[in-house]
Amino acid sequence: LLDKGEVSRERAGRSFAWTPADRAGLAARRMRGVLDAESDREAVLASFVTGLDPADERLLRDLLTQARARGED
């Protein structure tokens, strides 16, 4: 589970304290895994984007604009 990113651990004395990964991060890793497994990335992304409702599409555009402004593209 640690290798899959589904949990994290912190040293607690001589053992570890395990906690579930954050749900948003886990979902993002799964989405990247699906995208990476396909040869036609453009088709996968196009299918995803066309299935978004208008509010989510606006949110995605805003997030991409913010990432570009921070130089994360």
N, C-alpha and C. Protein backbone atom coordinates (compact mmCIF):
# COMPACT_ATOMS: atom_id res chain seq x y z
N LEU A 1 0.82 -1.19 0.00
CA LEU A 1 0.00 0.00 0.00
C LEU A 1 0.87 1.26 0.00
N LEU A 2 1.99 1.20 0.69
CA LEU A 2 2.90 2.35 0.72
C LEU A 2 3.45 2.61 -0.68
N ASP A 3 3.88 1.55 -1.38
CA ASP A 3 4.41 1.70 -2.74
C ASP A 3 3.36 2.22 -3.71
N LYS A 4 2.11 1.90 -3.48
CA LYS A 4 1.01 2.37 -4.34
C LYS A 4 0.58 3.78 -3.97
N GLY A 5 1.10 4.33 -2.88
CA GLY A 5 0.74 5.67 -2.46
C GLY A 5 -0.59 5.76 -1.75
N GLU A 6 -1.11 4.62 -1.31
CA GLU A 6 -2.41 4.62 -0.67
C GLU A 6 -2.34 4.90 0.83
N VAL A 7 -1.16 4.79 1.40
CA VAL A 7 -0.95 5.11 2.81
C VAL A 7 0.38 5.84 2.95
N SER A 8 0.54 6.51 4.06
CA SER A 8 1.84 7.09 4.40
C SER A 8 2.18 6.62 5.81
N ARG A 9 3.45 6.75 6.16
CA ARG A 9 3.85 6.31 7.50
C ARG A 9 4.83 7.30 8.09
N GLU A 10 4.79 7.40 9.40
CA GLU A 10 5.71 8.23 10.15
C GLU A 10 6.26 7.40 11.29
N ARG A 11 7.51 7.61 11.57
CA ARG A 11 8.16 6.90 12.67
C ARG A 11 7.46 7.28 13.97
N ALA A 12 7.10 6.29 14.76
CA ALA A 12 6.48 6.49 16.06
C ALA A 12 7.20 5.57 17.04
N GLY A 13 8.24 6.09 17.63
CA GLY A 13 9.07 5.25 18.50
C GLY A 13 9.84 4.26 17.66
N ARG A 14 9.71 2.99 17.99
CA ARG A 14 10.43 1.96 17.25
C ARG A 14 9.58 1.35 16.14
N SER A 15 8.38 1.88 15.93
CA SER A 15 7.51 1.35 14.89
C SER A 15 7.02 2.51 14.01
N PHE A 16 5.96 2.31 13.29
CA PHE A 16 5.42 3.34 12.41
C PHE A 16 3.95 3.58 12.72
N ALA A 17 3.52 4.82 12.47
CA ALA A 17 2.11 5.17 12.51
C ALA A 17 1.67 5.30 11.05
N TRP A 18 0.66 4.55 10.68
CA TRP A 18 0.18 4.51 9.30
C TRP A 18 -1.07 5.36 9.17
N THR A 19 -1.16 6.13 8.09
CA THR A 19 -2.35 6.93 7.84
C THR A 19 -2.74 6.79 6.36
N PRO A 20 -4.03 6.83 6.07
CA PRO A 20 -4.45 6.75 4.68
C PRO A 20 -3.99 7.99 3.91
N ALA A 21 -3.68 7.82 2.64
CA ALA A 21 -3.31 8.95 1.80
C ALA A 21 -4.52 9.85 1.62
N ASP A 22 -4.25 11.11 1.31
CA ASP A 22 -5.38 12.01 1.07
C ASP A 22 -6.13 11.55 -0.18
N ARG A 23 -7.42 11.65 -0.15
CA ARG A 23 -8.27 11.12 -1.22
C ARG A 23 -8.02 11.83 -2.55
N ALA A 24 -7.81 13.14 -2.51
CA ALA A 24 -7.57 13.88 -3.75
C ALA A 24 -6.26 13.44 -4.39
N GLY A 25 -5.22 13.28 -3.59
CA GLY A 25 -3.94 12.83 -4.12
C GLY A 25 -4.02 11.42 -4.67
N LEU A 26 -4.74 10.57 -3.99
CA LEU A 26 -4.91 9.19 -4.44
C LEU A 26 -5.66 9.15 -5.77
N ALA A 27 -6.72 9.93 -5.88
CA ALA A 27 -7.48 9.97 -7.14
C ALA A 27 -6.61 10.50 -8.27
N ALA A 28 -5.81 11.52 -7.99
CA ALA A 28 -4.92 12.08 -9.02
C ALA A 28 -3.90 11.04 -9.48
N ARG A 29 -3.34 10.28 -8.55
CA ARG A 29 -2.37 9.24 -8.94
C ARG A 29 -3.03 8.16 -9.78
N ARG A 30 -4.25 7.81 -9.44
CA ARG A 30 -4.97 6.82 -10.25
C ARG A 30 -5.23 7.34 -11.65
N MET A 31 -5.63 8.60 -11.75
CA MET A 31 -5.88 9.20 -13.06
C MET A 31 -4.60 9.22 -13.89
N ARG A 32 -3.48 9.58 -13.28
CA ARG A 32 -2.20 9.56 -14.00
C ARG A 32 -1.84 8.15 -14.43
N GLY A 33 -2.13 7.18 -13.59
CA GLY A 33 -1.85 5.79 -13.94
C GLY A 33 -2.63 5.34 -15.16
N VAL A 34 -3.89 5.71 -15.21
CA VAL A 34 -4.72 5.37 -16.38
C VAL A 34 -4.18 6.07 -17.61
N LEU A 35 -3.87 7.34 -17.49
CA LEU A 35 -3.34 8.10 -18.61
C LEU A 35 -2.02 7.52 -19.11
N ASP A 36 -1.15 7.17 -18.19
CA ASP A 36 0.16 6.62 -18.55
C ASP A 36 0.05 5.24 -19.20
N ALA A 37 -1.02 4.52 -18.92
CA ALA A 37 -1.18 3.16 -19.45
C ALA A 37 -1.69 3.15 -20.89
N GLU A 38 -2.15 4.27 -21.37
CA GLU A 38 -2.72 4.34 -22.72
C GLU A 38 -1.73 4.97 -23.69
N SER A 39 -1.74 4.49 -24.91
CA SER A 39 -0.80 5.02 -25.91
C SER A 39 -1.29 6.33 -26.52
N ASP A 40 -2.60 6.53 -26.58
CA ASP A 40 -3.15 7.75 -27.18
C ASP A 40 -3.62 8.70 -26.07
N ARG A 41 -2.67 9.42 -25.50
CA ARG A 41 -2.96 10.32 -24.39
C ARG A 41 -3.98 11.39 -24.79
N GLU A 42 -3.86 11.89 -26.03
CA GLU A 42 -4.77 12.93 -26.48
C GLU A 42 -6.22 12.43 -26.47
N ALA A 43 -6.44 11.21 -26.92
CA ALA A 43 -7.79 10.66 -26.93
C ALA A 43 -8.33 10.49 -25.51
N VAL A 44 -7.49 10.04 -24.60
CA VAL A 44 -7.92 9.87 -23.21
C VAL A 44 -8.29 11.21 -22.60
N LEU A 45 -7.41 12.21 -22.78
CA LEU A 45 -7.69 13.54 -22.22
C LEU A 45 -8.91 14.17 -22.87
N ALA A 46 -9.05 14.02 -24.18
CA ALA A 46 -10.21 14.58 -24.88
C ALA A 46 -11.50 13.95 -24.36
N SER A 47 -11.50 12.66 -24.17
CA SER A 47 -12.67 11.97 -23.65
C SER A 47 -13.00 12.45 -22.24
N PHE A 48 -11.98 12.63 -21.42
CA PHE A 48 -12.19 13.11 -20.06
C PHE A 48 -12.78 14.52 -20.06
N VAL A 49 -12.18 15.41 -20.84
CA VAL A 49 -12.60 16.81 -20.84
C VAL A 49 -14.01 16.97 -21.40
N THR A 50 -14.35 16.21 -22.44
CA THR A 50 -15.69 16.36 -23.01
C THR A 50 -16.77 15.83 -22.07
N GLY A 51 -16.38 15.02 -21.10
CA GLY A 51 -17.34 14.50 -20.13
C GLY A 51 -17.53 15.37 -18.91
N LEU A 52 -16.77 16.47 -18.81
CA LEU A 52 -16.89 17.35 -17.65
C LEU A 52 -18.12 18.23 -17.76
N ASP A 53 -18.72 18.53 -16.61
CA ASP A 53 -19.79 19.52 -16.65
C ASP A 53 -19.16 20.91 -16.73
N PRO A 54 -19.91 21.92 -17.13
CA PRO A 54 -19.33 23.26 -17.34
C PRO A 54 -18.58 23.82 -16.13
N ALA A 55 -19.07 23.59 -14.94
CA ALA A 55 -18.40 24.12 -13.75
C ALA A 55 -17.03 23.46 -13.56
N ASP A 56 -16.96 22.14 -13.76
CA ASP A 56 -15.68 21.44 -13.63
C ASP A 56 -14.72 21.85 -14.75
N GLU A 57 -15.25 22.08 -15.95
CA GLU A 57 -14.41 22.53 -17.05
C GLU A 57 -13.80 23.89 -16.73
N ARG A 58 -14.60 24.81 -16.19
CA ARG A 58 -14.07 26.12 -15.80
C ARG A 58 -13.01 25.96 -14.72
N LEU A 59 -13.27 25.10 -13.75
CA LEU A 59 -12.31 24.88 -12.67
C LEU A 59 -11.00 24.34 -13.24
N LEU A 60 -11.08 23.38 -14.15
CA LEU A 60 -9.88 22.82 -14.77
C LEU A 60 -9.11 23.89 -15.54
N ARG A 61 -9.82 24.72 -16.29
CA ARG A 61 -9.16 25.82 -17.02
C ARG A 61 -8.46 26.76 -16.05
N ASP A 62 -9.13 27.12 -14.95
CA ASP A 62 -8.53 28.01 -13.96
C ASP A 62 -7.28 27.38 -13.34
N LEU A 63 -7.34 26.10 -13.02
CA LEU A 63 -6.20 25.42 -12.44
C LEU A 63 -5.02 25.35 -13.41
N LEU A 64 -5.31 25.11 -14.68
CA LEU A 64 -4.25 25.10 -15.70
C LEU A 64 -3.63 26.48 -15.86
N THR A 65 -4.45 27.51 -15.83
CA THR A 65 -3.94 28.88 -15.92
C THR A 65 -3.04 29.20 -14.72
N GLN A 66 -3.47 28.81 -13.54
CA GLN A 66 -2.66 29.04 -12.33
C GLN A 66 -1.34 28.29 -12.39
N ALA A 67 -1.38 27.05 -12.84
CA ALA A 67 -0.16 26.24 -12.94
C ALA A 67 0.80 26.87 -13.95
N ARG A 68 0.27 27.34 -15.07
CA ARG A 68 1.10 27.98 -16.10
C ARG A 68 1.73 29.25 -15.53
N ALA A 69 0.99 30.02 -14.75
CA ALA A 69 1.51 31.26 -14.17
C ALA A 69 2.64 30.97 -13.18
N ARG A 70 2.57 29.80 -12.52
CA ARG A 70 3.63 29.42 -11.57
C ARG A 70 4.79 28.75 -12.29
N GLY A 71 4.65 28.52 -13.60
CA GLY A 71 5.71 27.88 -14.36
C GLY A 71 5.72 26.37 -14.24
N GLU A 72 4.57 25.77 -13.99
CA GLU A 72 4.47 24.32 -13.78
C GLU A 72 4.06 23.58 -15.04
N ASP A 73 4.21 24.18 -16.22
CA ASP A 73 3.79 23.45 -17.42
C ASP A 73 4.89 22.74 -18.07
